[in-house]
């Protein structure tokens, strides 16, 4: 879906450049450059948003208290065994 939106924007940009009187080669070059920039920008931002969500999810699931949560859970399990 997102790739279709990017393609539509690039084609619209291409048609506007042609209507402005640019040669076909130059309009094609600029619209391909716009497509690549939009593609890279959108997918880089999606990648960074996923990283931020993963980091915030890790902080939400960690247990409050002393030490690292893994060490804390192992201590609780050891105490239960005794």
N, C-alpha and C. Protein backbone atom coordinates (compact mmCIF):
# COMPACT_ATOMS: atom_id res chain seq x y z
N UNK A 1 0.83 -1.19 0.00
CA UNK A 1 0.00 0.00 0.00
C UNK A 1 0.87 1.25 0.00
N UNK A 2 1.88 1.25 0.83
CA UNK A 2 2.75 2.42 0.92
C UNK A 2 3.55 2.60 -0.35
N UNK A 3 3.98 1.51 -0.97
CA UNK A 3 4.74 1.61 -2.21
C UNK A 3 3.88 2.18 -3.33
N UNK A 4 2.58 1.87 -3.33
CA UNK A 4 1.68 2.44 -4.33
C UNK A 4 1.53 3.95 -4.15
N UNK A 5 1.47 4.39 -2.92
CA UNK A 5 1.38 5.81 -2.64
C UNK A 5 2.64 6.53 -3.11
N UNK A 6 3.79 5.94 -2.86
CA UNK A 6 5.05 6.55 -3.29
C UNK A 6 5.12 6.61 -4.82
N UNK A 7 4.69 5.54 -5.48
CA UNK A 7 4.69 5.52 -6.95
C UNK A 7 3.74 6.58 -7.49
N UNK A 8 2.58 6.72 -6.89
CA UNK A 8 1.61 7.71 -7.35
C UNK A 8 2.18 9.12 -7.19
N UNK A 9 2.85 9.40 -6.10
CA UNK A 9 3.45 10.72 -5.89
C UNK A 9 4.53 10.97 -6.92
N UNK A 10 5.37 9.97 -7.20
CA UNK A 10 6.43 10.13 -8.18
C UNK A 10 5.87 10.34 -9.59
N UNK A 11 4.81 9.63 -9.95
CA UNK A 11 4.19 9.82 -11.26
C UNK A 11 3.54 11.19 -11.38
N UNK A 12 2.90 11.64 -10.32
CA UNK A 12 2.32 12.98 -10.32
C UNK A 12 3.42 14.04 -10.48
N UNK A 13 4.51 13.85 -9.78
CA UNK A 13 5.65 14.75 -9.88
C UNK A 13 6.20 14.75 -11.31
N UNK A 14 6.28 13.56 -11.92
CA UNK A 14 6.75 13.44 -13.30
C UNK A 14 5.84 14.20 -14.26
N UNK A 15 4.54 14.03 -14.09
CA UNK A 15 3.60 14.72 -14.99
C UNK A 15 3.66 16.23 -14.80
N UNK A 16 3.82 16.68 -13.57
CA UNK A 16 3.94 18.12 -13.32
C UNK A 16 5.21 18.69 -13.94
N UNK A 17 6.30 17.92 -13.88
CA UNK A 17 7.53 18.38 -14.50
C UNK A 17 7.40 18.45 -16.02
N UNK A 18 6.70 17.49 -16.60
CA UNK A 18 6.48 17.53 -18.04
C UNK A 18 5.61 18.73 -18.44
N UNK A 19 4.58 19.00 -17.64
CA UNK A 19 3.72 20.15 -17.93
C UNK A 19 4.46 21.47 -17.76
N UNK A 20 5.49 21.47 -16.92
CA UNK A 20 6.27 22.69 -16.72
C UNK A 20 7.22 22.95 -17.88
N UNK A 21 7.37 21.96 -18.77
CA UNK A 21 8.18 22.19 -19.95
C UNK A 21 9.57 21.59 -19.89
N UNK A 22 9.86 20.75 -18.93
CA UNK A 22 11.17 20.11 -18.87
C UNK A 22 11.26 19.02 -19.92
N UNK A 23 12.46 18.75 -20.39
CA UNK A 23 12.62 17.61 -21.31
C UNK A 23 12.29 16.29 -20.60
N UNK A 24 11.91 15.28 -21.36
CA UNK A 24 11.46 14.01 -20.79
C UNK A 24 12.57 13.38 -19.96
N UNK A 25 13.80 13.42 -20.45
CA UNK A 25 14.92 12.79 -19.71
C UNK A 25 15.14 13.45 -18.35
N UNK A 26 15.08 14.78 -18.33
CA UNK A 26 15.30 15.49 -17.07
C UNK A 26 14.12 15.26 -16.11
N UNK A 27 12.90 15.26 -16.63
CA UNK A 27 11.73 15.01 -15.78
C UNK A 27 11.77 13.59 -15.22
N UNK A 28 12.18 12.63 -16.05
CA UNK A 28 12.27 11.24 -15.60
C UNK A 28 13.34 11.10 -14.52
N UNK A 29 14.48 11.75 -14.72
CA UNK A 29 15.56 11.71 -13.73
C UNK A 29 15.09 12.27 -12.39
N UNK A 30 14.44 13.42 -12.45
CA UNK A 30 14.00 14.06 -11.20
C UNK A 30 12.90 13.25 -10.51
N UNK A 31 11.99 12.68 -11.28
CA UNK A 31 10.93 11.90 -10.65
C UNK A 31 11.47 10.60 -10.06
N UNK A 32 12.47 9.99 -10.72
CA UNK A 32 13.11 8.80 -10.13
C UNK A 32 13.86 9.15 -8.85
N UNK A 33 14.49 10.31 -8.85
CA UNK A 33 15.17 10.77 -7.64
C UNK A 33 14.17 11.02 -6.52
N UNK A 34 13.03 11.60 -6.85
CA UNK A 34 11.98 11.83 -5.85
C UNK A 34 11.45 10.50 -5.32
N UNK A 35 11.26 9.51 -6.22
CA UNK A 35 10.80 8.19 -5.79
C UNK A 35 11.79 7.57 -4.81
N UNK A 36 13.08 7.60 -5.16
CA UNK A 36 14.09 6.99 -4.29
C UNK A 36 14.16 7.69 -2.93
N UNK A 37 14.07 9.01 -2.93
CA UNK A 37 14.11 9.74 -1.66
C UNK A 37 12.87 9.43 -0.80
N UNK A 38 11.70 9.39 -1.42
CA UNK A 38 10.49 9.06 -0.67
C UNK A 38 10.55 7.63 -0.13
N UNK A 39 10.99 6.70 -0.97
CA UNK A 39 11.09 5.31 -0.56
C UNK A 39 12.04 5.15 0.61
N UNK A 40 13.23 5.73 0.48
CA UNK A 40 14.22 5.63 1.55
C UNK A 40 13.74 6.32 2.82
N UNK A 41 13.12 7.47 2.68
CA UNK A 41 12.64 8.20 3.86
C UNK A 41 11.55 7.47 4.61
N UNK A 42 10.55 6.97 3.88
CA UNK A 42 9.46 6.25 4.53
C UNK A 42 9.94 4.98 5.22
N UNK A 43 10.72 4.19 4.52
CA UNK A 43 11.11 2.91 5.09
C UNK A 43 12.16 3.06 6.19
N UNK A 44 12.99 4.09 6.11
CA UNK A 44 13.91 4.37 7.22
C UNK A 44 13.14 4.81 8.46
N UNK A 45 12.13 5.66 8.27
CA UNK A 45 11.34 6.10 9.42
C UNK A 45 10.55 4.94 10.02
N UNK A 46 10.02 4.05 9.20
CA UNK A 46 9.31 2.87 9.72
C UNK A 46 10.25 1.99 10.51
N UNK A 47 11.47 1.80 9.99
CA UNK A 47 12.48 0.99 10.69
C UNK A 47 12.83 1.61 12.04
N UNK A 48 13.02 2.92 12.08
CA UNK A 48 13.37 3.58 13.34
C UNK A 48 12.20 3.56 14.33
N UNK A 49 10.98 3.70 13.83
CA UNK A 49 9.81 3.63 14.72
C UNK A 49 9.70 2.24 15.33
N UNK A 50 9.96 1.19 14.55
CA UNK A 50 9.92 -0.17 15.09
C UNK A 50 11.00 -0.38 16.15
N UNK A 51 12.17 0.20 15.97
CA UNK A 51 13.22 0.10 16.98
C UNK A 51 12.80 0.80 18.26
N UNK A 52 12.21 1.98 18.13
CA UNK A 52 11.77 2.72 19.31
C UNK A 52 10.68 1.95 20.04
N UNK A 53 9.74 1.36 19.31
CA UNK A 53 8.68 0.56 19.95
C UNK A 53 9.26 -0.64 20.68
N UNK A 54 10.24 -1.29 20.07
CA UNK A 54 10.85 -2.46 20.70
C UNK A 54 11.58 -2.07 21.99
N UNK A 55 12.27 -0.96 21.95
CA UNK A 55 12.99 -0.50 23.14
C UNK A 55 12.00 -0.12 24.25
N UNK A 56 10.93 0.58 23.88
CA UNK A 56 9.95 0.97 24.91
C UNK A 56 9.22 -0.26 25.45
N UNK A 57 9.00 -1.26 24.60
CA UNK A 57 8.36 -2.50 25.06
C UNK A 57 9.26 -3.23 26.05
N UNK A 58 10.56 -3.22 25.80
CA UNK A 58 11.50 -3.86 26.73
C UNK A 58 11.50 -3.16 28.08
N UNK A 59 11.42 -1.83 28.07
CA UNK A 59 11.42 -1.09 29.33
C UNK A 59 10.11 -1.28 30.09
N UNK A 60 9.01 -1.45 29.38
CA UNK A 60 7.72 -1.65 30.03
C UNK A 60 7.63 -3.02 30.70
N UNK A 61 8.27 -4.03 30.11
CA UNK A 61 8.16 -5.38 30.65
C UNK A 61 9.21 -5.68 31.71
N UNK A 62 10.19 -4.82 31.90
CA UNK A 62 11.21 -5.11 32.91
C UNK A 62 10.65 -4.87 34.31
N UNK A 63 11.10 -5.69 35.25
CA UNK A 63 10.61 -5.61 36.63
C UNK A 63 11.38 -4.54 37.39
N UNK A 64 10.69 -3.72 38.17
CA UNK A 64 11.39 -2.72 38.97
C UNK A 64 12.09 -3.38 40.16
N UNK A 65 13.17 -2.76 40.57
CA UNK A 65 13.87 -3.30 41.73
C UNK A 65 15.37 -3.29 41.54
N UNK A 66 16.05 -4.04 42.40
CA UNK A 66 17.51 -4.08 42.35
C UNK A 66 17.98 -5.02 41.27
N UNK A 67 19.06 -4.65 40.61
CA UNK A 67 19.72 -5.56 39.68
C UNK A 67 19.02 -5.68 38.35
N UNK A 68 19.56 -6.52 37.54
CA UNK A 68 19.03 -6.79 36.21
C UNK A 68 17.83 -7.71 36.37
N UNK A 69 16.79 -7.53 35.56
CA UNK A 69 15.59 -8.35 35.73
C UNK A 69 15.85 -9.84 35.62
N UNK A 70 16.77 -10.27 34.75
CA UNK A 70 17.06 -11.70 34.63
C UNK A 70 17.67 -12.24 35.92
N UNK A 71 18.57 -11.47 36.51
CA UNK A 71 19.19 -11.89 37.76
C UNK A 71 18.16 -11.91 38.89
N UNK A 72 17.27 -10.94 38.87
CA UNK A 72 16.26 -10.85 39.90
C UNK A 72 15.30 -12.05 39.82
N UNK A 73 14.91 -12.42 38.62
CA UNK A 73 14.02 -13.58 38.46
C UNK A 73 14.70 -14.86 38.88
N UNK A 74 16.00 -15.00 38.61
CA UNK A 74 16.71 -16.22 39.00
C UNK A 74 16.84 -16.29 40.52
N UNK A 75 16.98 -15.14 41.17
CA UNK A 75 17.05 -15.13 42.64
C UNK A 75 15.73 -15.57 43.25
N UNK A 76 14.64 -15.08 42.67
CA UNK A 76 13.31 -15.45 43.18
C UNK A 76 13.09 -16.95 42.99
N UNK A 77 13.48 -17.48 41.85
CA UNK A 77 13.32 -18.91 41.59
C UNK A 77 14.17 -19.75 42.55
N UNK A 78 15.38 -19.30 42.89
CA UNK A 78 16.23 -20.01 43.82
C UNK A 78 15.62 -20.03 45.22
N UNK A 79 15.01 -18.90 45.62
CA UNK A 79 14.39 -18.82 46.92
C UNK A 79 13.16 -19.74 47.01
N UNK A 80 12.43 -19.87 45.91
CA UNK A 80 11.26 -20.73 45.89
C UNK A 80 11.67 -22.20 46.02
N UNK A 81 12.81 -22.57 45.45
CA UNK A 81 13.28 -23.94 45.51
C UNK A 81 13.67 -24.34 46.94
N UNK A 82 14.12 -23.39 47.72
CA UNK A 82 14.58 -23.67 49.08
C UNK A 82 13.38 -23.84 49.94
